């Protein structure tokens, strides 16, 4: 289905509500405004297959723009509002966007972009700002009728990478109608038991793949999405009670923050409306998940997948209780655990997680990256390490090639290392994820100073300030330690695992 169908059958039904402001958008309004947006895109010369970029906080216009792009056959690239101007420029240039839409709430970084993105058409939701034309004013001049050549567009999102900058995942456009079925739209009902009267809570930033795709899937079901502008644990519970929320998607950090609320606060709210809660983005510590199941009941489902879409594992609450720590069995592709030679290992052997007989890997402008993560059998990997039991349940035992996942946000160590090593007082550097009670992991930089005599608080402050000046807040190290000599092989390979394991006290798995 498509939200346009519900605009006809249930025009006054609320498509989404902003949690704090209370602004509610009906299906009739969503349909009209997305039609106007599609009309505007055509007037501006955008054709099927072209790309727009969206740089916004959780804003009431977000879905109106995304659905406008979808029904105009465009790709829409959603960019993190936490990035620096240079990081944003890279994604806008790499995806080939012909238009950028921002919001005032992103902050002063948007004022840096016109200089970097000369020649690009710039819009801002709400009032215009400097080089940015008002998107609302331009859109409102357009008719609210469908464009003549509607065809389904798609998101083009940027995936976590193990080194360097993130890579775009650009699925092929098939020229199908805007209401053509999608695999993701089928999942909520097929696996997660979403009811027909879905009232869905979205607590995460919409620029992430999972929140964006799940919310838009709920719109395909005719449900109502409650969007939190920013996550607050008690507000989350209050919203569940107030809106009789029955579905939602979370990351483990959300669970941790809610569990840390005082007992009288946690028990204050009626959560009995919950039917199906989904979590992903990072492996959830088993103890945390057990506490959540004890609190919310057997309504918590889990999946393991990447933006790349090369495979998908799922586990329901009852299976999880008998397979503690598992992220599920494959429902798209087939899990293979492989050794360094790329050959399959027997059950309970730890190795790299591959998907066989699933969709191929493809990265925009980086065929080499896809080839690097495809073995001799054509099986593909996201770089995670784990094992499977005799029933095919997958257990992850390591992060994707040292990727740091802090609060559900993927952070690329290589990018941070590449910056810090340029500092004249740094001889070598390793960036790892260390345990953090709330965020899951925190970014720690381990520095080999050029002069060991300088190792101390003053150099620590200098290097942390250097990182914060050149990286977005989420990437800047939260801690910095010194090591007289980092463990490297004579070939130059860094034994980062030895450094990281010292922080985790690892003797076996650090996740389960």
Protein backbone atom coordinates (compact mmCIF):
# COMPACT_ATOMS: atom_id res chain seq x y z
CA UNK A 1 0.00 0.00 0.00
CA UNK A 2 0.92 3.67 0.00
CA UNK A 3 -0.11 6.65 2.17
CA UNK A 4 -2.02 8.03 -0.83
CA UNK A 5 -4.50 5.14 -0.45
CA UNK A 6 -5.25 6.10 3.15
CA UNK A 7 -5.64 9.74 2.13
CA UNK A 8 -8.66 8.54 0.17
CA UNK A 9 -10.05 5.96 2.61
CA UNK A 10 -9.18 7.64 5.93
CA UNK A 11 -8.24 11.26 5.16
CA UNK A 12 -8.57 12.46 8.75
CA UNK A 13 -6.50 9.66 10.27
CA UNK A 14 -3.26 10.99 11.79
CA UNK A 15 -0.21 9.80 9.83
CA UNK A 16 2.24 11.15 12.38
CA UNK A 17 2.43 13.31 15.47
CA UNK A 18 5.42 15.19 16.85
CA UNK A 19 5.78 14.13 20.47
CA UNK A 20 6.80 17.44 22.07
CA UNK A 21 5.16 20.06 19.86
CA UNK A 22 2.00 18.02 19.37
CA UNK A 23 1.78 18.91 15.68
CA UNK A 24 -0.28 16.24 13.93
CA UNK A 25 -0.34 15.59 10.19
CA UNK A 26 -3.25 13.65 8.69
CA UNK A 27 -3.01 11.32 5.73
CA UNK A 28 -4.87 13.90 3.63
CA UNK A 29 -2.29 16.54 4.55
CA UNK A 30 0.64 14.19 3.98
CA UNK A 31 -0.74 13.27 0.56
CA UNK A 32 -1.37 16.86 -0.50
CA UNK A 33 2.00 18.16 0.67
CA UNK A 34 3.95 15.26 -0.82
CA UNK A 35 2.13 15.88 -4.12
CA UNK A 36 3.11 19.54 -3.95
CA UNK A 37 6.70 18.56 -3.18
CA UNK A 38 6.79 16.19 -6.15
CA UNK A 39 5.41 18.95 -8.38
CA UNK A 40 8.13 21.30 -7.14
CA UNK A 41 10.85 18.74 -7.82
CA UNK A 42 9.65 18.41 -11.40
CA UNK A 43 9.49 22.20 -11.88
CA UNK A 44 13.09 22.36 -10.65
CA UNK A 45 14.09 19.89 -13.36
CA UNK A 46 14.53 16.77 -11.19
CA UNK A 47 13.72 13.54 -12.99
CA UNK A 48 13.44 9.89 -11.89
CA UNK A 49 16.81 8.66 -10.67
CA UNK A 50 18.01 12.08 -9.51
CA UNK A 51 19.06 12.60 -5.90
CA UNK A 52 18.03 15.08 -3.21
CA UNK A 53 19.75 15.41 0.16
CA UNK A 54 17.94 16.06 3.45
CA UNK A 55 19.76 17.56 6.44
CA UNK A 56 17.19 18.00 9.20
CA UNK A 57 16.53 17.20 12.82
CA UNK A 58 13.31 15.27 13.57
CA UNK A 59 11.04 17.85 11.96
CA UNK A 60 7.36 17.80 10.95
CA UNK A 61 8.31 18.32 7.27
CA UNK A 62 10.64 15.28 7.15
CA UNK A 63 8.11 12.72 5.94
CA UNK A 64 6.41 15.17 3.60
CA UNK A 65 9.73 15.62 1.79
CA UNK A 66 10.66 11.93 1.82
CA UNK A 67 7.28 10.86 0.41
CA UNK A 68 7.45 13.66 -2.18
CA UNK A 69 10.78 12.28 -3.38
CA UNK A 70 9.44 8.72 -3.30
CA UNK A 71 6.47 9.47 -5.54
CA UNK A 72 8.66 11.52 -7.90
CA UNK A 73 11.00 8.58 -8.49
CA UNK A 74 13.92 10.28 -6.75
CA UNK A 75 16.57 9.05 -4.38
CA UNK A 76 16.56 10.81 -1.01
CA UNK A 77 19.77 10.81 0.98
CA UNK A 78 19.22 11.57 4.67
CA UNK A 79 22.27 13.05 6.38
CA UNK A 80 23.09 13.07 10.08
CA UNK A 81 22.45 16.41 11.71
CA UNK A 82 25.53 15.80 13.92
CA UNK A 83 28.13 15.98 11.16
CA UNK A 84 30.58 18.75 10.43
CA UNK A 85 30.31 20.86 7.30
CA UNK A 86 33.13 18.94 5.62
CA UNK A 87 31.51 15.59 6.37
CA UNK A 88 28.18 16.83 5.01
CA UNK A 89 29.86 18.17 1.89
CA UNK A 90 31.42 14.77 1.23
CA UNK A 91 28.06 12.95 1.35
CA UNK A 92 26.24 15.59 -0.72
CA UNK A 93 28.94 15.45 -3.39
CA UNK A 94 29.32 11.69 -3.30
CA UNK A 95 25.61 10.94 -3.69
CA UNK A 96 25.32 13.43 -6.55
CA UNK A 97 22.51 15.44 -4.96
CA UNK A 98 21.02 18.18 -7.11
CA UNK A 99 19.22 19.80 -4.21
CA UNK A 100 19.75 20.09 -0.45
CA UNK A 101 16.95 20.74 2.04
CA UNK A 102 17.92 21.76 5.59
CA UNK A 103 16.15 22.90 8.74
CA UNK A 104 17.04 25.68 11.15
CA UNK A 105 17.25 23.19 14.03
CA UNK A 106 20.42 21.64 12.60
CA UNK A 107 22.28 24.69 13.82
CA UNK A 108 25.02 26.99 12.53
CA UNK A 109 26.65 24.29 10.38
CA UNK A 110 24.09 25.03 7.66
CA UNK A 111 25.59 28.52 7.26
CA UNK A 112 28.94 26.95 6.34
CA UNK A 113 27.52 24.84 3.52
CA UNK A 114 26.70 27.40 0.79
CA UNK A 115 30.40 28.20 0.47
CA UNK A 116 31.25 24.49 0.17
CA UNK A 117 28.35 23.58 -2.11
CA UNK A 118 28.48 26.39 -4.62
CA UNK A 119 26.01 25.92 -7.47
CA UNK A 120 23.75 23.51 -5.59
CA UNK A 121 20.08 24.46 -5.17
CA UNK A 122 19.49 25.11 -1.46
CA UNK A 123 16.23 25.11 0.49
CA UNK A 124 15.34 25.53 4.15
CA UNK A 125 12.05 24.41 5.71
CA UNK A 126 10.27 27.31 7.33
CA UNK A 127 11.59 30.82 6.59
CA UNK A 128 14.38 31.30 4.09
CA UNK A 129 17.88 31.86 5.45
CA UNK A 130 20.71 33.50 3.56
CA UNK A 131 21.40 31.40 0.47
CA UNK A 132 18.51 29.06 1.37
CA UNK A 133 15.13 29.59 -0.23
CA UNK A 134 12.04 28.73 1.82
CA UNK A 135 10.98 25.22 0.85
CA UNK A 136 7.53 25.72 2.35
CA UNK A 137 6.89 28.90 0.33
CA UNK A 138 8.05 27.29 -2.93
CA UNK A 139 6.09 24.10 -2.30
CA UNK A 140 2.87 25.92 -1.37
CA UNK A 141 2.76 27.49 -4.84
CA UNK A 142 2.41 24.03 -6.39
CA UNK A 143 -0.84 22.12 -7.10
CA UNK A 144 -1.74 19.35 -4.65
CA UNK A 145 -2.47 16.88 -7.44
CA UNK A 146 -0.19 13.97 -8.38
CA UNK A 147 2.46 14.53 -11.03
CA UNK A 148 1.74 12.86 -14.35
CA UNK A 149 4.72 10.52 -14.25
CA UNK A 150 4.66 9.08 -10.72
CA UNK A 151 7.12 6.24 -10.16
CA UNK A 152 8.64 4.78 -7.01
CA UNK A 153 11.84 6.33 -5.74
CA UNK A 154 14.01 5.07 -2.90
CA UNK A 155 16.23 6.10 -0.06
CA UNK A 156 19.96 6.23 -0.74
CA UNK A 157 21.58 5.99 2.66
CA UNK A 158 25.16 5.87 3.82
CA UNK A 159 26.31 2.70 5.51
CA UNK A 160 28.86 2.09 8.21
CA UNK A 161 32.30 1.34 6.83
CA UNK A 162 35.32 -0.17 8.52
CA UNK A 163 37.80 2.33 7.15
CA UNK A 164 37.61 5.78 5.71
CA UNK A 165 34.38 7.52 4.90
CA UNK A 166 30.91 5.96 4.78
CA UNK A 167 29.68 4.45 1.53
CA UNK A 168 26.35 5.01 -0.17
CA UNK A 169 23.90 2.18 -0.73
CA UNK A 170 21.96 2.96 -3.90
CA UNK A 171 19.39 0.31 -4.80
CA UNK A 172 18.28 0.16 -8.43
CA UNK A 173 15.02 1.89 -9.32
CA UNK A 174 12.70 -0.49 -11.13
CA UNK A 175 10.23 1.97 -12.61
CA UNK A 176 7.38 0.46 -10.61
CA UNK A 177 4.24 2.24 -9.33
CA UNK A 178 4.56 4.19 -6.08
CA UNK A 179 2.41 1.62 -4.25
CA UNK A 180 4.36 -1.42 -5.44
CA UNK A 181 5.01 -3.87 -2.56
CA UNK A 182 8.41 -3.73 -0.88
CA UNK A 183 10.16 -6.43 1.14
CA UNK A 184 10.58 -4.13 4.14
CA UNK A 185 6.93 -3.14 4.18
CA UNK A 186 5.99 -6.81 4.57
CA UNK A 187 8.20 -7.41 7.61
CA UNK A 188 6.15 -5.56 10.27
CA UNK A 189 3.20 -7.88 9.90
CA UNK A 190 5.00 -11.01 8.70
CA UNK A 191 7.57 -11.28 11.49
CA UNK A 192 6.90 -8.65 14.12
CA UNK A 193 3.14 -8.94 14.47
CA UNK A 194 2.29 -5.27 13.94
CA UNK A 195 -1.49 -4.87 14.25
CA UNK A 196 -3.70 -3.15 11.67
CA UNK A 197 -4.26 -0.21 14.05
CA UNK A 198 -0.52 0.32 14.42
CA UNK A 199 0.42 3.14 16.81
CA UNK A 200 4.16 3.32 16.42
CA UNK A 201 6.68 5.19 18.58
CA UNK A 202 9.87 6.37 16.87
CA UNK A 203 12.44 7.58 19.45
CA UNK A 204 15.50 7.86 17.19
CA UNK A 205 16.82 10.33 14.60
CA UNK A 206 15.05 9.95 11.27
CA UNK A 207 18.30 10.21 9.30
CA UNK A 208 19.15 6.67 10.45
CA UNK A 209 18.10 3.86 8.13
CA UNK A 210 15.97 1.89 10.59
CA UNK A 211 13.82 4.77 11.97
CA UNK A 212 13.25 6.24 8.52
CA UNK A 213 12.36 2.94 6.87
CA UNK A 214 10.23 1.63 9.72
CA UNK A 215 8.22 4.85 9.99
CA UNK A 216 7.56 4.90 6.25
CA UNK A 217 6.59 1.22 6.42
CA UNK A 218 4.02 2.09 9.09
CA UNK A 219 2.62 4.72 6.71
CA UNK A 220 2.23 1.96 4.11
CA UNK A 221 0.11 0.11 6.68
CA UNK A 222 -2.03 3.15 7.43
CA UNK A 223 -0.77 3.42 11.00
CA UNK A 224 0.11 6.43 13.13
CA UNK A 225 3.71 7.32 13.99
CA UNK A 226 4.58 9.30 17.12
CA UNK A 227 7.96 10.96 16.49
CA UNK A 228 10.12 11.97 19.43
CA UNK A 229 12.10 15.09 18.59
CA UNK A 230 14.73 13.88 21.06
CA UNK A 231 14.78 10.77 23.21
CA UNK A 232 13.98 11.16 26.88
CA UNK A 233 13.43 7.95 28.87
CA UNK A 234 10.54 9.11 31.02
CA UNK A 235 8.85 10.95 28.17
CA UNK A 236 9.08 7.72 26.18
CA UNK A 237 7.08 5.88 28.85
CA UNK A 238 4.59 8.74 29.10
CA UNK A 239 4.05 8.69 25.34
CA UNK A 240 3.38 4.95 25.36
CA UNK A 241 0.65 5.50 27.96
CA UNK A 242 -0.80 8.67 26.39
CA UNK A 243 -1.02 7.42 22.81
CA UNK A 244 -1.62 3.76 23.68
CA UNK A 245 1.46 2.89 21.67
CA UNK A 246 1.46 -0.74 20.56
CA UNK A 247 4.63 -0.86 18.42
CA UNK A 248 8.03 0.83 18.25
CA UNK A 249 11.67 0.43 17.31
CA UNK A 250 14.55 1.00 19.74
CA UNK A 251 18.28 0.56 20.20
CA UNK A 252 19.89 -0.96 23.31
CA UNK A 253 20.91 2.46 24.66
CA UNK A 254 17.24 3.41 24.90
CA UNK A 255 16.63 0.29 26.98
CA UNK A 256 19.54 1.09 29.28
CA UNK A 257 18.38 4.64 29.90
CA UNK A 258 14.84 3.53 30.66
CA UNK A 259 16.03 0.79 33.00
CA UNK A 260 18.07 3.37 34.93
CA UNK A 261 14.97 5.36 35.81
CA UNK A 262 13.93 5.12 39.47
CA UNK A 263 11.59 2.24 40.19
CA UNK A 264 8.68 4.53 41.06
CA UNK A 265 9.04 6.27 37.69
CA UNK A 266 9.26 3.02 35.72
CA UNK A 267 6.11 1.68 37.34
CA UNK A 268 4.18 4.94 37.07
CA UNK A 269 3.08 4.43 33.49
CA UNK A 270 0.67 1.97 31.89
CA UNK A 271 2.57 0.11 29.17
CA UNK A 272 -0.01 -2.63 28.66
CA UNK A 273 -0.82 -1.44 25.13
CA UNK A 274 2.55 -2.70 23.82
CA UNK A 275 2.21 -5.60 21.40
CA UNK A 276 5.47 -5.62 19.44
CA UNK A 277 8.74 -3.80 20.13
CA UNK A 278 11.68 -4.15 17.76
CA UNK A 279 15.34 -3.47 18.47
CA UNK A 280 18.46 -3.55 16.34
CA UNK A 281 21.46 -1.32 15.43
CA UNK A 282 23.76 -2.93 17.99
CA UNK A 283 23.79 -6.21 19.89
CA UNK A 284 21.88 -5.84 23.12
CA UNK A 285 23.62 -7.08 26.28
CA UNK A 286 21.82 -10.20 27.38
CA UNK A 287 21.27 -8.90 30.93
CA UNK A 288 19.66 -5.72 29.59
CA UNK A 289 17.34 -7.64 27.30
CA UNK A 290 16.32 -9.99 30.10
CA UNK A 291 15.39 -7.01 32.27
CA UNK A 292 13.36 -5.50 29.44
CA UNK A 293 11.52 -8.77 28.82
CA UNK A 294 10.75 -9.04 32.53
CA UNK A 295 9.43 -5.47 32.51
CA UNK A 296 7.58 -5.21 29.20
CA UNK A 297 6.74 -8.87 28.74
CA UNK A 298 7.45 -11.14 25.74
CA UNK A 299 6.89 -8.42 23.15
CA UNK A 300 10.50 -7.63 22.21
CA UNK A 301 11.74 -8.74 18.81
CA UNK A 302 15.25 -8.40 17.41
CA UNK A 303 16.85 -8.40 13.99
CA UNK A 304 20.34 -8.24 12.56
CA UNK A 305 20.90 -6.57 9.21
CA UNK A 306 22.75 -3.75 7.54
CA UNK A 307 21.77 -0.83 5.37
CA UNK A 308 23.30 -2.88 2.54
CA UNK A 309 20.38 -5.34 2.64
CA UNK A 310 22.53 -8.39 1.83
CA UNK A 311 20.90 -10.49 4.56
CA UNK A 312 18.49 -10.40 7.46
CA UNK A 313 18.27 -12.40 10.70
CA UNK A 314 15.30 -12.38 13.05
CA UNK A 315 14.53 -13.68 16.53
CA UNK A 316 11.31 -13.38 18.51
CA UNK A 317 11.07 -13.10 22.30
CA UNK A 318 10.26 -16.74 22.95
CA UNK A 319 13.10 -18.05 20.80
CA UNK A 320 15.46 -15.59 22.46
CA UNK A 321 14.65 -16.92 25.92
CA UNK A 322 15.77 -20.37 24.79
CA UNK A 323 18.71 -19.00 22.74
CA UNK A 324 20.00 -16.29 25.07
CA UNK A 325 22.18 -13.76 23.28
CA UNK A 326 21.30 -14.79 19.74
CA UNK A 327 20.37 -12.25 17.05
CA UNK A 328 18.29 -14.86 15.24
CA UNK A 329 18.17 -17.06 12.20
CA UNK A 330 18.43 -15.90 8.62
CA UNK A 331 15.21 -15.10 6.78
CA UNK A 332 16.94 -13.32 3.88
CA UNK A 333 20.03 -15.16 2.70
CA UNK A 334 21.73 -18.01 4.58
CA UNK A 335 24.28 -17.52 7.34
CA UNK A 336 27.75 -18.94 6.78
CA UNK A 337 30.57 -18.64 9.31
CA UNK A 338 33.89 -18.60 7.51
CA UNK A 339 37.54 -18.84 8.39
CA UNK A 340 40.32 -16.72 6.95
CA UNK A 341 40.28 -18.90 3.81
CA UNK A 342 36.64 -18.02 3.10
CA UNK A 343 35.46 -21.59 3.65
CA UNK A 344 32.53 -22.46 5.89
CA UNK A 345 33.21 -23.58 9.46
CA UNK A 346 31.17 -26.09 11.48
CA UNK A 347 28.61 -25.02 14.12
CA UNK A 348 29.97 -23.25 17.23
CA UNK A 349 33.16 -22.23 15.42
CA UNK A 350 33.90 -18.49 15.56
CA UNK A 351 34.59 -16.70 12.31
CA UNK A 352 33.43 -13.97 9.98
CA UNK A 353 29.66 -13.82 9.38
CA UNK A 354 28.70 -14.15 5.71
CA UNK A 355 25.35 -14.35 3.94
CA UNK A 356 24.99 -16.85 1.11
CA UNK A 357 22.28 -16.82 -1.57
CA UNK A 358 21.15 -13.34 -0.65
CA UNK A 359 21.27 -9.98 -2.42
CA UNK A 360 24.66 -8.90 -3.71
CA UNK A 361 26.64 -6.12 -2.07
CA UNK A 362 26.85 -2.85 -3.92
CA UNK A 363 28.40 0.45 -2.80
CA UNK A 364 28.04 3.70 -4.70
CA UNK A 365 31.34 4.74 -6.28
CA UNK A 366 33.19 1.90 -4.57
CA UNK A 367 33.07 -1.43 -6.41
CA UNK A 368 36.31 -2.39 -4.69
CA UNK A 369 34.64 -2.20 -1.28
CA UNK A 370 31.91 -4.60 -2.41
CA UNK A 371 34.48 -6.96 -3.90
CA UNK A 372 36.54 -6.87 -0.70
CA UNK A 373 33.51 -8.07 1.27
CA UNK A 374 32.51 -10.82 -1.16
CA UNK A 375 34.35 -14.14 -0.97
CA UNK A 376 35.18 -16.73 -3.62
CA UNK A 377 31.72 -18.32 -3.26
CA UNK A 378 29.89 -15.04 -3.81
CA UNK A 379 28.94 -14.84 -0.13
CA UNK A 380 28.91 -11.35 1.37
CA UNK A 381 29.81 -9.95 4.78
CA UNK A 382 29.35 -6.80 6.84
CA UNK A 383 32.56 -7.70 8.66
CA UNK A 384 31.02 -9.00 11.88
CA UNK A 385 32.39 -11.97 13.79
CA UNK A 386 30.26 -14.67 15.38
CA UNK A 387 29.12 -18.28 15.41
CA UNK A 388 25.98 -20.31 14.79
CA UNK A 389 24.52 -23.16 16.78
CA UNK A 390 23.20 -26.42 15.36
CA UNK A 391 19.75 -24.86 14.79
CA UNK A 392 21.16 -21.96 12.77
CA UNK A 393 20.85 -19.26 15.43
CA UNK A 394 23.53 -16.61 15.02
CA UNK A 395 25.51 -15.19 17.95
CA UNK A 396 27.69 -12.12 17.37
CA UNK A 397 30.94 -11.98 19.30
CA UNK A 398 32.61 -8.89 17.89
CA UNK A 399 31.91 -5.63 16.22
CA UNK A 400 32.35 -5.13 12.54
CA UNK A 401 36.09 -4.82 12.13
CA UNK A 402 36.42 -2.58 15.16
CA UNK A 403 33.49 -0.36 14.28
CA UNK A 404 32.37 1.60 17.34
CA UNK A 405 28.63 1.71 18.01
CA UNK A 406 27.82 4.37 20.58
CA UNK A 407 24.15 4.87 21.39
CA UNK A 408 23.21 3.11 18.15
CA UNK A 409 25.43 5.47 16.10
CA UNK A 410 28.14 3.93 13.92
CA UNK A 411 31.54 5.61 14.25
CA UNK A 412 34.47 4.97 11.94
CA UNK A 413 37.76 4.63 13.84
CA UNK A 414 39.94 5.11 10.76
CA UNK A 415 38.59 8.59 10.14
CA UNK A 416 39.48 9.67 13.70
CA UNK A 417 42.89 7.98 13.53
CA UNK A 418 43.65 9.67 10.22
CA UNK A 419 43.04 13.04 11.82
CA UNK A 420 44.92 12.51 15.09
CA UNK A 421 48.01 11.11 13.43
CA UNK A 422 48.44 14.42 11.59
CA UNK A 423 49.11 16.21 14.87
CA UNK A 424 52.82 16.91 15.19
CA UNK A 425 53.03 15.50 18.69
CA UNK A 426 51.47 12.13 17.71
CA UNK A 427 53.63 9.26 16.48
CA UNK A 428 50.92 6.62 16.23
CA UNK A 429 47.28 6.22 17.22
CA UNK A 430 44.62 3.59 17.70
CA UNK A 431 40.96 4.45 18.22
CA UNK A 432 38.79 1.84 19.86
CA UNK A 433 35.42 1.46 21.50
CA UNK A 434 35.55 1.05 25.26
CA UNK A 435 32.61 -0.05 27.42
CA UNK A 436 30.15 2.63 28.47
CA UNK A 437 27.28 1.85 30.81
CA UNK A 438 24.76 4.05 29.03
CA UNK A 439 25.97 4.40 25.43
CA UNK A 440 27.21 0.83 25.05
CA UNK A 441 30.59 2.03 23.78
CA UNK A 442 32.56 5.26 23.96
CA UNK A 443 35.32 6.47 21.67
CA UNK A 444 38.80 6.19 23.20
CA UNK A 445 41.99 7.31 21.49
CA UNK A 446 45.20 5.52 22.47
CA UNK A 447 48.17 7.68 21.54
CA UNK A 448 51.84 6.88 21.07
CA UNK A 449 53.35 10.35 21.55
CA UNK A 450 56.27 11.55 19.48
CA UNK A 451 57.99 12.40 22.75
CA UNK A 452 57.08 10.10 25.62
CA UNK A 453 58.19 12.76 28.12
CA UNK A 454 55.22 14.88 26.98
CA UNK A 455 52.64 12.21 27.82
CA UNK A 456 50.32 13.71 30.42
CA UNK A 457 47.34 15.95 31.08
CA UNK A 458 48.51 18.93 29.05
CA UNK A 459 49.04 16.89 25.89
CA UNK A 460 45.77 15.03 26.54
CA UNK A 461 43.86 18.34 26.68
CA UNK A 462 45.60 19.60 23.54
CA UNK A 463 44.79 16.48 21.52
CA UNK A 464 41.18 16.29 22.68
CA UNK A 465 40.68 19.94 21.74
CA UNK A 466 42.26 19.25 18.33
CA UNK A 467 39.83 16.36 17.75
CA UNK A 468 36.79 18.37 18.82
CA UNK A 469 37.75 21.20 16.50
CA UNK A 470 37.90 18.91 13.48
CA UNK A 471 35.32 16.19 14.11
CA UNK A 472 31.63 16.11 14.83
CA UNK A 473 30.68 15.77 18.48
CA UNK A 474 29.69 12.11 18.24
CA UNK A 475 33.08 11.13 16.78
CA UNK A 476 35.35 13.11 19.07
CA UNK A 477 37.08 10.84 21.64
CA UNK A 478 35.57 10.82 25.10
CA UNK A 479 38.87 9.70 26.59
CA UNK A 480 42.52 9.67 25.57
CA UNK A 481 45.26 7.44 26.94
CA UNK A 482 48.94 7.03 26.18
CA UNK A 483 51.00 3.98 25.26
CA UNK A 484 54.75 4.10 24.87
CA UNK A 485 54.62 1.88 21.80
CA UNK A 486 51.51 0.63 20.00
CA UNK A 487 51.61 -3.10 19.17
CA UNK A 488 52.38 -3.34 15.47
CA UNK A 489 53.67 -6.24 13.40
CA UNK A 490 56.88 -5.60 11.47
CA UNK A 491 54.70 -5.44 8.36
CA UNK A 492 52.94 -2.41 9.86
CA UNK A 493 49.70 -4.14 10.82
CA UNK A 494 48.28 -2.76 14.05
CA UNK A 495 47.17 -5.34 16.60
CA UNK A 496 44.20 -3.23 17.62
CA UNK A 497 42.46 -6.20 19.18
CA UNK A 498 45.13 -6.34 21.89
CA UNK A 499 44.50 -2.71 22.78
CA UNK A 500 40.73 -2.98 22.74
CA UNK A 501 40.60 -6.19 24.72
CA UNK A 502 42.51 -4.53 27.55
CA UNK A 503 39.57 -2.15 27.98
CA UNK A 504 36.97 -4.88 27.79
CA UNK A 505 38.81 -7.40 29.94
CA UNK A 506 37.90 -9.87 27.27
CA UNK A 507 38.48 -13.57 27.75
CA UNK A 508 35.59 -14.78 25.60
CA UNK A 509 32.73 -12.86 24.01
CA UNK A 510 32.23 -9.27 25.08
CA UNK A 511 28.65 -9.02 23.88
CA UNK A 512 26.77 -12.06 25.09
